[in-house]
Structure formats: C-alpha cells, structure tokens
Amino acid sequence: MITIVMGVSGSGKSTIGEGLAARLGQPFIDGDSLHPLANREKMAHGIPLDDNDRQPWLEAIVAEMNRHRERGESLVLACSALKRRYRDFLRGGYGDVRFVYLHAPRDLLAQRLGQRSGHFFDPHLLDSQLATLEEPSPDEAVLRVGVGLAPAETMERIIRADCDAAQVGTS
C-alpha cells in the first residue's frame, strides 16, 4: 500500500507523513526532496510552479513509488497533489495508492508557514497553492482529515480510518 499524504504547504504533510510511517513501520519519502533544483529556486523566490514545472517532479515521485512496489514495500509519501490530474497520474492505474487529504483554514496554514524556518517554500505562495488546489471529490475516495488537532491525534484518526475500512472490507 502506498499512502500519499496530500495538501497545501503548511498542512503538515511532512510531520504527519513521517509520524504515520514510523507508527506503521513503513519508509517515508518527503516529495519536496524530489523537486528539481529549478523548482526549489522558483519557490524560494516566490514564483509559483506551473504544470510544466511539476511534471518532472511527479515523474520522480512515481519512479520512487515503483521502486518500492518492485521491492514489495509499502510506503508513506508527502506530496501536495493539488490537482486531480496529478492525483490520477500518481495513482497510475494501480489499486495500491490511497490519499489522505490534510486540510485546514487559510489562517492556520499561514500561521504555520510563518513559524517555519529552513524550508525553500516562500510563505507568500500559499494563496497560489490554494488557488491551484482542486479539493478531492467524493468519487476519488480520499480520506479527508482536518489538521487542527495535535499531530498524534491526526495520525490516530488516519490509522483508525484504515482499521474501519479494513473491517468494512471484510464484512
């Protein structure tokens, strides 16, 4: 199973993804680490990425996902996956990909970004990401989780939802 923790910057993808991976005993990859240098430089200078910028990044993420599949490993991955077509590309027709959408009010996201240091993402790009975001529709079967709680509680909700889904699937 590949779990993609998605959402805009400041939603907690890395924190929740890393913690979730540790709790599940699975490897974790922060999708930001797979951005080409040109993308990082654009974002550091407050320039929003477009679809052309994101495509090589999405391809790098899929390549990592496939490496884990080939080894028979599960994986937790943090990736903004802002548009449905990005999510469809990441799914790639495989049935082993599930998305967890972390969402929060803009004010909370801005507050978190303002407190973050050492990251290449310019906090002024938040509005650009929110404008680009296509919230997952019900037919995508994405687990939607609000992130106003402590990270441990957010992870617990995700794990509980997994357990509930597994129980429903076996009934």
N, C-alpha and C. Protein backbone atom coordinates (compact mmCIF):
# COMPACT_ATOMS: atom_id res chain seq x y z
N MET A 1 0.85 -1.18 0.00
CA MET A 1 0.00 0.00 0.00
C MET A 1 0.89 1.24 0.00
N ILE A 2 0.56 2.19 -0.82
CA ILE A 2 1.24 3.48 -0.85
C ILE A 2 0.25 4.53 -0.38
N THR A 3 0.61 5.20 0.70
CA THR A 3 -0.22 6.25 1.26
C THR A 3 0.41 7.58 0.92
N ILE A 4 -0.34 8.43 0.24
CA ILE A 4 0.13 9.76 -0.11
C ILE A 4 -0.61 10.76 0.77
N VAL A 5 0.15 11.44 1.62
CA VAL A 5 -0.40 12.47 2.49
C VAL A 5 -0.31 13.77 1.69
N MET A 6 -1.47 14.35 1.37
CA MET A 6 -1.53 15.49 0.46
C MET A 6 -2.13 16.72 1.12
N GLY A 7 -1.88 17.86 0.51
CA GLY A 7 -2.44 19.12 0.96
C GLY A 7 -1.48 20.25 0.59
N VAL A 8 -1.90 21.46 0.84
CA VAL A 8 -1.06 22.61 0.53
C VAL A 8 0.05 22.73 1.57
N SER A 9 1.01 23.59 1.29
CA SER A 9 2.10 23.83 2.24
C SER A 9 1.53 24.35 3.55
N GLY A 10 2.09 23.84 4.64
CA GLY A 10 1.63 24.23 5.96
C GLY A 10 0.58 23.32 6.54
N SER A 11 0.08 22.37 5.74
CA SER A 11 -0.97 21.48 6.24
C SER A 11 -0.41 20.37 7.14
N GLY A 12 0.90 20.17 7.11
CA GLY A 12 1.50 19.16 7.97
C GLY A 12 1.84 17.86 7.27
N LYS A 13 1.94 17.88 5.96
CA LYS A 13 2.20 16.64 5.20
C LYS A 13 3.44 15.92 5.69
N SER A 14 4.53 16.65 5.87
CA SER A 14 5.78 16.03 6.28
C SER A 14 5.70 15.50 7.70
N THR A 15 5.18 16.31 8.60
CA THR A 15 5.07 15.90 10.01
C THR A 15 4.17 14.69 10.15
N ILE A 16 2.99 14.76 9.56
CA ILE A 16 2.03 13.65 9.67
C ILE A 16 2.54 12.44 8.91
N GLY A 17 3.06 12.65 7.71
CA GLY A 17 3.57 11.54 6.91
C GLY A 17 4.70 10.80 7.59
N GLU A 18 5.65 11.54 8.12
CA GLU A 18 6.79 10.92 8.79
C GLU A 18 6.34 10.16 10.04
N GLY A 19 5.46 10.78 10.83
CA GLY A 19 4.96 10.11 12.03
C GLY A 19 4.13 8.89 11.70
N LEU A 20 3.30 9.00 10.67
CA LEU A 20 2.47 7.87 10.25
C LEU A 20 3.34 6.71 9.79
N ALA A 21 4.37 7.02 9.00
CA ALA A 21 5.29 5.98 8.53
C ALA A 21 5.96 5.28 9.71
N ALA A 22 6.39 6.06 10.70
CA ALA A 22 7.03 5.47 11.88
C ALA A 22 6.06 4.56 12.63
N ARG A 23 4.84 5.03 12.80
CA ARG A 23 3.84 4.22 13.52
C ARG A 23 3.49 2.94 12.78
N LEU A 24 3.51 3.00 11.43
CA LEU A 24 3.17 1.83 10.62
C LEU A 24 4.38 0.97 10.28
N GLY A 25 5.57 1.43 10.63
CA GLY A 25 6.79 0.70 10.31
C GLY A 25 7.08 0.67 8.81
N GLN A 26 6.79 1.78 8.15
CA GLN A 26 6.99 1.88 6.70
C GLN A 26 7.97 3.00 6.39
N PRO A 27 8.63 2.91 5.23
CA PRO A 27 9.50 4.02 4.84
C PRO A 27 8.70 5.26 4.52
N PHE A 28 9.36 6.42 4.65
CA PHE A 28 8.73 7.70 4.36
C PHE A 28 9.59 8.47 3.37
N ILE A 29 8.93 9.10 2.40
CA ILE A 29 9.62 9.99 1.46
C ILE A 29 8.86 11.31 1.45
N ASP A 30 9.60 12.39 1.65
CA ASP A 30 9.02 13.72 1.52
C ASP A 30 9.17 14.11 0.06
N GLY A 31 8.05 14.25 -0.62
CA GLY A 31 8.06 14.58 -2.04
C GLY A 31 8.83 15.85 -2.35
N ASP A 32 8.91 16.78 -1.39
CA ASP A 32 9.67 18.01 -1.62
C ASP A 32 11.13 17.70 -1.94
N SER A 33 11.65 16.61 -1.40
CA SER A 33 13.06 16.25 -1.64
C SER A 33 13.30 15.83 -3.09
N LEU A 34 12.23 15.57 -3.83
CA LEU A 34 12.35 15.11 -5.21
C LEU A 34 12.16 16.24 -6.22
N HIS A 35 11.91 17.45 -5.74
CA HIS A 35 11.77 18.60 -6.65
C HIS A 35 13.10 18.87 -7.33
N PRO A 36 13.09 19.12 -8.63
CA PRO A 36 14.32 19.56 -9.30
C PRO A 36 14.79 20.90 -8.69
N LEU A 37 16.08 21.16 -8.79
CA LEU A 37 16.65 22.39 -8.25
C LEU A 37 15.95 23.63 -8.80
N ALA A 38 15.60 23.62 -10.08
CA ALA A 38 14.94 24.77 -10.69
C ALA A 38 13.61 25.07 -9.98
N ASN A 39 12.87 24.03 -9.60
CA ASN A 39 11.60 24.22 -8.88
C ASN A 39 11.86 24.85 -7.51
N ARG A 40 12.86 24.33 -6.82
CA ARG A 40 13.16 24.86 -5.49
C ARG A 40 13.54 26.33 -5.56
N GLU A 41 14.33 26.66 -6.57
CA GLU A 41 14.74 28.06 -6.72
C GLU A 41 13.55 28.96 -7.04
N LYS A 42 12.66 28.50 -7.90
CA LYS A 42 11.46 29.29 -8.20
C LYS A 42 10.65 29.56 -6.94
N MET A 43 10.39 28.50 -6.18
CA MET A 43 9.57 28.65 -4.97
C MET A 43 10.27 29.53 -3.94
N ALA A 44 11.59 29.40 -3.82
CA ALA A 44 12.34 30.22 -2.86
C ALA A 44 12.25 31.70 -3.22
N HIS A 45 12.07 31.98 -4.51
CA HIS A 45 11.95 33.37 -4.97
C HIS A 45 10.48 33.81 -5.10
N GLY A 46 9.56 33.01 -4.57
CA GLY A 46 8.15 33.39 -4.57
C GLY A 46 7.46 33.23 -5.91
N ILE A 47 8.03 32.41 -6.79
CA ILE A 47 7.44 32.19 -8.12
C ILE A 47 6.66 30.87 -8.08
N PRO A 48 5.36 30.92 -8.33
CA PRO A 48 4.55 29.68 -8.30
C PRO A 48 4.97 28.72 -9.42
N LEU A 49 4.86 27.44 -9.12
CA LEU A 49 5.11 26.41 -10.13
C LEU A 49 3.89 26.26 -11.02
N ASP A 50 4.13 25.89 -12.27
CA ASP A 50 3.02 25.58 -13.17
C ASP A 50 3.07 24.08 -13.49
N ASP A 51 2.14 23.65 -14.32
CA ASP A 51 2.05 22.22 -14.64
C ASP A 51 3.34 21.70 -15.26
N ASN A 52 3.99 22.50 -16.11
CA ASN A 52 5.24 22.08 -16.74
C ASN A 52 6.35 21.89 -15.71
N ASP A 53 6.37 22.76 -14.70
CA ASP A 53 7.36 22.63 -13.62
C ASP A 53 7.10 21.37 -12.80
N ARG A 54 5.85 21.07 -12.57
CA ARG A 54 5.51 19.96 -11.69
C ARG A 54 5.66 18.59 -12.35
N GLN A 55 5.58 18.51 -13.66
CA GLN A 55 5.60 17.20 -14.33
C GLN A 55 6.85 16.37 -14.02
N PRO A 56 8.08 16.92 -14.14
CA PRO A 56 9.24 16.09 -13.82
C PRO A 56 9.26 15.67 -12.35
N TRP A 57 8.73 16.51 -11.49
CA TRP A 57 8.64 16.19 -10.07
C TRP A 57 7.68 15.01 -9.87
N LEU A 58 6.52 15.07 -10.50
CA LEU A 58 5.56 13.97 -10.38
C LEU A 58 6.16 12.68 -10.93
N GLU A 59 6.89 12.76 -12.03
CA GLU A 59 7.54 11.58 -12.61
C GLU A 59 8.57 10.99 -11.65
N ALA A 60 9.31 11.85 -10.95
CA ALA A 60 10.29 11.37 -9.97
C ALA A 60 9.59 10.66 -8.81
N ILE A 61 8.44 11.19 -8.40
CA ILE A 61 7.68 10.56 -7.32
C ILE A 61 7.18 9.18 -7.76
N VAL A 62 6.64 9.10 -8.97
CA VAL A 62 6.15 7.81 -9.48
C VAL A 62 7.31 6.81 -9.57
N ALA A 63 8.48 7.26 -9.99
CA ALA A 63 9.64 6.37 -10.07
C ALA A 63 9.98 5.81 -8.69
N GLU A 64 9.92 6.66 -7.65
CA GLU A 64 10.15 6.18 -6.28
C GLU A 64 9.08 5.19 -5.85
N MET A 65 7.84 5.50 -6.16
CA MET A 65 6.74 4.59 -5.82
C MET A 65 6.97 3.23 -6.48
N ASN A 66 7.37 3.24 -7.73
CA ASN A 66 7.60 1.98 -8.45
C ASN A 66 8.77 1.20 -7.87
N ARG A 67 9.81 1.88 -7.41
CA ARG A 67 10.93 1.18 -6.76
C ARG A 67 10.44 0.43 -5.52
N HIS A 68 9.58 1.07 -4.77
CA HIS A 68 9.05 0.42 -3.56
C HIS A 68 8.12 -0.73 -3.95
N ARG A 69 7.31 -0.55 -4.97
CA ARG A 69 6.44 -1.64 -5.44
C ARG A 69 7.27 -2.85 -5.85
N GLU A 70 8.34 -2.60 -6.60
CA GLU A 70 9.20 -3.70 -7.08
C GLU A 70 9.80 -4.49 -5.92
N ARG A 71 10.04 -3.82 -4.81
CA ARG A 71 10.60 -4.49 -3.62
C ARG A 71 9.50 -5.05 -2.72
N GLY A 72 8.24 -4.84 -3.11
CA GLY A 72 7.13 -5.33 -2.30
C GLY A 72 6.94 -4.55 -1.01
N GLU A 73 7.38 -3.30 -1.01
CA GLU A 73 7.30 -2.47 0.19
C GLU A 73 6.12 -1.51 0.15
N SER A 74 5.56 -1.29 1.31
CA SER A 74 4.60 -0.20 1.47
C SER A 74 5.39 1.09 1.61
N LEU A 75 4.70 2.21 1.53
CA LEU A 75 5.38 3.49 1.54
C LEU A 75 4.40 4.57 1.98
N VAL A 76 4.90 5.54 2.74
CA VAL A 76 4.15 6.75 3.05
C VAL A 76 4.92 7.89 2.39
N LEU A 77 4.19 8.71 1.66
CA LEU A 77 4.79 9.78 0.87
C LEU A 77 4.05 11.08 1.11
N ALA A 78 4.79 12.17 1.28
CA ALA A 78 4.18 13.50 1.38
C ALA A 78 4.27 14.17 0.02
N CYS A 79 3.13 14.63 -0.49
CA CYS A 79 3.09 15.26 -1.81
C CYS A 79 1.85 16.15 -1.86
N SER A 80 2.01 17.37 -2.33
CA SER A 80 0.87 18.28 -2.34
C SER A 80 -0.30 17.75 -3.17
N ALA A 81 -0.02 17.14 -4.33
CA ALA A 81 -1.07 16.55 -5.18
C ALA A 81 -2.26 17.48 -5.33
N LEU A 82 -1.99 18.71 -5.71
CA LEU A 82 -3.00 19.76 -5.69
C LEU A 82 -4.15 19.58 -6.68
N LYS A 83 -3.87 18.98 -7.83
CA LYS A 83 -4.90 18.83 -8.85
C LYS A 83 -5.29 17.37 -9.01
N ARG A 84 -6.52 17.18 -9.44
CA ARG A 84 -6.98 15.81 -9.66
C ARG A 84 -6.11 15.09 -10.68
N ARG A 85 -5.72 15.78 -11.74
CA ARG A 85 -4.91 15.09 -12.74
C ARG A 85 -3.56 14.68 -12.18
N TYR A 86 -3.03 15.42 -11.19
CA TYR A 86 -1.79 14.99 -10.54
C TYR A 86 -2.06 13.71 -9.74
N ARG A 87 -3.18 13.70 -9.03
CA ARG A 87 -3.51 12.51 -8.24
C ARG A 87 -3.75 11.31 -9.14
N ASP A 88 -4.43 11.53 -10.27
CA ASP A 88 -4.64 10.43 -11.22
C ASP A 88 -3.31 9.93 -11.77
N PHE A 89 -2.38 10.84 -12.06
CA PHE A 89 -1.06 10.46 -12.55
C PHE A 89 -0.33 9.63 -11.49
N LEU A 90 -0.43 10.05 -10.24
CA LEU A 90 0.24 9.32 -9.16
C LEU A 90 -0.40 7.94 -8.94
N ARG A 91 -1.70 7.85 -9.10
CA ARG A 91 -2.37 6.55 -8.99
C ARG A 91 -1.89 5.61 -10.09
N GLY A 92 -1.74 6.15 -11.28
CA GLY A 92 -1.21 5.38 -12.41
C GLY A 92 -1.95 4.11 -12.72
N GLY A 93 -3.21 4.03 -12.34
CA GLY A 93 -3.97 2.82 -12.62
C GLY A 93 -3.75 1.71 -11.60
N TYR A 94 -2.89 1.95 -10.62
CA TYR A 94 -2.65 0.95 -9.57
C TYR A 94 -3.74 1.06 -8.51
N GLY A 95 -4.08 -0.04 -7.92
CA GLY A 95 -5.07 -0.05 -6.86
C GLY A 95 -4.47 0.07 -5.47
N ASP A 96 -3.15 0.27 -5.40
CA ASP A 96 -2.48 0.28 -4.10
C ASP A 96 -2.19 1.69 -3.57
N VAL A 97 -2.75 2.72 -4.21
CA VAL A 97 -2.48 4.09 -3.80
C VAL A 97 -3.72 4.67 -3.12
N ARG A 98 -3.50 5.23 -1.94
CA ARG A 98 -4.60 5.93 -1.28
C ARG A 98 -4.10 7.29 -0.83
N PHE A 99 -4.99 8.24 -0.84
CA PHE A 99 -4.65 9.61 -0.47
C PHE A 99 -5.30 9.97 0.85
N VAL A 100 -4.54 10.70 1.66
CA VAL A 100 -5.04 11.30 2.89
C VAL A 100 -4.89 12.80 2.68
N TYR A 101 -6.00 13.51 2.62
CA TYR A 101 -6.01 14.95 2.36
C TYR A 101 -6.06 15.70 3.68
N LEU A 102 -4.97 16.42 3.99
CA LEU A 102 -4.91 17.25 5.19
C LEU A 102 -5.38 18.65 4.82
N HIS A 103 -6.42 19.10 5.46
CA HIS A 103 -6.94 20.42 5.14
C HIS A 103 -7.06 21.25 6.42
N ALA A 104 -6.95 22.56 6.21
CA ALA A 104 -7.03 23.49 7.33
C ALA A 104 -7.45 24.85 6.81
N PRO A 105 -7.98 25.69 7.67
CA PRO A 105 -8.33 27.05 7.25
C PRO A 105 -7.06 27.82 6.85
N ARG A 106 -7.22 28.77 5.95
CA ARG A 106 -6.10 29.55 5.45
C ARG A 106 -5.31 30.20 6.58
N ASP A 107 -6.00 30.74 7.59
CA ASP A 107 -5.33 31.42 8.69
C ASP A 107 -4.36 30.49 9.43
N LEU A 108 -4.78 29.27 9.68
CA LEU A 108 -3.91 28.30 10.35
C LEU A 108 -2.71 27.96 9.47
N LEU A 109 -2.96 27.75 8.17
CA LEU A 109 -1.87 27.45 7.25
C LEU A 109 -0.85 28.59 7.22
N ALA A 110 -1.33 29.83 7.13
CA ALA A 110 -0.44 31.00 7.09
C ALA A 110 0.36 31.11 8.39
N GLN A 111 -0.29 30.84 9.50
CA GLN A 111 0.40 30.88 10.81
C GLN A 111 1.51 29.85 10.84
N ARG A 112 1.23 28.64 10.41
CA ARG A 112 2.24 27.59 10.40
C ARG A 112 3.41 27.94 9.48
N LEU A 113 3.10 28.45 8.30
CA LEU A 113 4.17 28.81 7.36
C LEU A 113 5.02 29.94 7.92
N GLY A 114 4.40 30.87 8.65
CA GLY A 114 5.14 31.98 9.25
C GLY A 114 6.09 31.53 10.34
N GLN A 115 5.80 30.40 10.94
CA GLN A 115 6.65 29.87 12.02
C GLN A 115 7.72 28.91 11.51
N ARG A 116 7.63 28.53 10.25
CA ARG A 116 8.55 27.54 9.69
C ARG A 116 9.83 28.23 9.24
N SER A 117 10.96 27.59 9.49
CA SER A 117 12.22 28.13 9.03
C SER A 117 13.02 27.03 8.34
N GLY A 118 13.91 27.45 7.46
CA GLY A 118 14.79 26.49 6.80
C GLY A 118 14.16 25.73 5.65
N HIS A 119 13.00 26.16 5.17
CA HIS A 119 12.34 25.48 4.06
C HIS A 119 12.38 26.41 2.86
N PHE A 120 12.52 25.82 1.66
CA PHE A 120 12.65 26.64 0.45
C PHE A 120 11.35 27.29 0.01
N PHE A 121 10.22 26.87 0.52
CA PHE A 121 8.93 27.39 0.09
C PHE A 121 8.71 28.79 0.66
N ASP A 122 8.46 29.75 -0.21
CA ASP A 122 8.15 31.11 0.20
C ASP A 122 6.70 31.14 0.70
N PRO A 123 6.47 31.52 1.97
CA PRO A 123 5.11 31.53 2.51
C PRO A 123 4.11 32.35 1.70
N HIS A 124 4.60 33.30 0.91
CA HIS A 124 3.70 34.12 0.09
C HIS A 124 3.05 33.31 -1.03
N LEU A 125 3.53 32.09 -1.25
CA LEU A 125 2.96 31.24 -2.29
C LEU A 125 1.71 30.49 -1.82
N LEU A 126 1.35 30.63 -0.56
CA LEU A 126 0.19 29.92 -0.03
C LEU A 126 -1.06 30.20 -0.86
N ASP A 127 -1.33 31.45 -1.15
CA ASP A 127 -2.55 31.78 -1.90
C ASP A 127 -2.53 31.16 -3.30
N SER A 128 -1.36 31.08 -3.91
CA SER A 128 -1.23 30.43 -5.21
C SER A 128 -1.58 28.94 -5.10
N GLN A 129 -1.08 28.29 -4.03
CA GLN A 129 -1.40 26.87 -3.85
C GLN A 129 -2.89 26.67 -3.58
N LEU A 130 -3.47 27.53 -2.77
CA LEU A 130 -4.90 27.41 -2.50
C LEU A 130 -5.73 27.63 -3.77
N ALA A 131 -5.27 28.53 -4.63
CA ALA A 131 -5.99 28.77 -5.90
C ALA A 131 -5.84 27.58 -6.84
N THR A 132 -4.71 26.89 -6.78
CA THR A 132 -4.46 25.73 -7.65
C THR A 132 -5.16 24.48 -7.13
N LEU A 133 -5.35 24.40 -5.82
CA LEU A 133 -5.92 23.20 -5.20
C LEU A 133 -7.30 22.86 -5.76
N GLU A 134 -7.43 21.64 -6.22
CA GLU A 134 -8.72 21.06 -6.58
C GLU A 134 -9.04 20.05 -5.49
N GLU A 135 -9.91 20.44 -4.58
CA GLU A 135 -10.21 19.53 -3.47
C GLU A 135 -10.70 18.20 -4.03
N PRO A 136 -10.26 17.11 -3.41
CA PRO A 136 -10.69 15.80 -3.89
C PRO A 136 -12.21 15.66 -3.86
N SER A 137 -12.75 15.07 -4.91
CA SER A 137 -14.19 14.86 -5.00
C SER A 137 -14.53 13.50 -4.39
N PRO A 138 -15.79 13.30 -4.03
CA PRO A 138 -16.19 12.04 -3.39
C PRO A 138 -15.83 10.79 -4.20
N ASP A 139 -15.84 10.88 -5.52
CA ASP A 139 -15.54 9.69 -6.32
C ASP A 139 -14.06 9.30 -6.27
N GLU A 140 -13.21 10.16 -5.68
CA GLU A 140 -11.80 9.81 -5.54
C GLU A 140 -11.53 8.96 -4.30
N ALA A 141 -12.48 8.84 -3.42
CA ALA A 141 -12.33 8.03 -2.20
C ALA A 141 -11.09 8.43 -1.43
N VAL A 142 -10.93 9.72 -1.19
CA VAL A 142 -9.80 10.26 -0.44
C VAL A 142 -10.22 10.45 1.01
N LEU A 143 -9.36 10.04 1.94
CA LEU A 143 -9.63 10.28 3.35
C LEU A 143 -9.32 11.75 3.66
N ARG A 144 -10.31 12.48 4.10
CA ARG A 144 -10.18 13.91 4.40
C ARG A 144 -10.04 14.07 5.90
N VAL A 145 -8.94 14.74 6.33
CA VAL A 145 -8.67 14.89 7.75
C VAL A 145 -8.33 16.34 8.04
N GLY A 146 -9.08 16.95 8.96
CA GLY A 146 -8.76 18.30 9.40
C GLY A 146 -7.53 18.26 10.29
N VAL A 147 -6.71 19.31 10.21
CA VAL A 147 -5.43 19.27 10.92
C VAL A 147 -5.36 20.26 12.08
N GLY A 148 -6.49 20.60 12.64
CA GLY A 148 -6.49 21.48 13.80
C GLY A 148 -6.08 20.78 15.07
N LEU A 149 -5.98 19.47 15.04
CA LEU A 149 -5.61 18.68 16.21
C LEU A 149 -4.09 18.55 16.32
N ALA A 150 -3.64 18.01 17.44
CA ALA A 150 -2.22 17.70 17.59
C ALA A 150 -1.85 16.62 16.56
N PRO A 151 -0.60 16.61 16.09
CA PRO A 151 -0.20 15.61 15.10
C PRO A 151 -0.50 14.17 15.51
N ALA A 152 -0.28 13.84 16.78
CA ALA A 152 -0.54 12.46 17.24
C ALA A 152 -2.02 12.10 17.08
N GLU A 153 -2.91 13.06 17.36
CA GLU A 153 -4.34 12.80 17.21
C GLU A 153 -4.72 12.67 15.73
N THR A 154 -4.10 13.49 14.88
CA THR A 154 -4.36 13.39 13.44
C THR A 154 -3.93 12.02 12.93
N MET A 155 -2.74 11.57 13.33
CA MET A 155 -2.27 10.24 12.91
C MET A 155 -3.20 9.14 13.41
N GLU A 156 -3.67 9.29 14.63
CA GLU A 156 -4.58 8.28 15.20
C GLU A 156 -5.88 8.21 14.39
N ARG A 157 -6.39 9.35 13.97
CA ARG A 157 -7.61 9.36 13.14
C ARG A 157 -7.37 8.64 11.82
N ILE A 158 -6.21 8.84 11.23
CA ILE A 158 -5.88 8.18 9.96
C ILE A 158 -5.79 6.69 10.15
N ILE A 159 -5.11 6.26 11.19
CA ILE A 159 -4.95 4.82 11.47
C ILE A 159 -6.30 4.20 11.79
N ARG A 160 -7.11 4.91 12.58
CA ARG A 160 -8.46 4.40 12.91
C ARG A 160 -9.30 4.26 11.65
N ALA A 161 -9.21 5.22 10.75
CA ALA A 161 -9.97 5.15 9.49
C ALA A 161 -9.52 3.95 8.66
N ASP A 162 -8.21 3.64 8.69
CA ASP A 162 -7.70 2.46 7.99
C ASP A 162 -8.30 1.20 8.57
N CYS A 163 -8.34 1.14 9.90
CA CYS A 163 -8.89 -0.04 10.57
C CYS A 163 -10.36 -0.20 10.26
N ASP A 164 -11.10 0.91 10.30
CA ASP A 164 -12.53 0.86 9.98
C ASP A 164 -12.76 0.40 8.55
N ALA A 165 -11.94 0.89 7.62
CA ALA A 165 -12.07 0.50 6.21
C ALA A 165 -11.76 -0.99 6.03
N ALA A 166 -10.74 -1.47 6.76
CA ALA A 166 -10.38 -2.89 6.65
C ALA A 166 -11.52 -3.76 7.19
N GLN A 167 -12.16 -3.32 8.28
CA GLN A 167 -13.26 -4.08 8.86
C GLN A 167 -14.46 -4.07 7.92
N VAL A 168 -14.73 -2.94 7.29
CA VAL A 168 -15.85 -2.87 6.34
C VAL A 168 -15.56 -3.79 5.16
N GLY A 169 -14.30 -3.81 4.70
CA GLY A 169 -13.93 -4.64 3.55
C GLY A 169 -14.02 -6.12 3.82
N THR A 170 -13.96 -6.54 5.10
CA THR A 170 -14.01 -7.96 5.40
C THR A 170 -15.40 -8.43 5.79
N SER A 171 -16.34 -7.51 5.90
CA SER A 171 -17.70 -7.91 6.32
C SER A 171 -18.42 -8.66 5.25
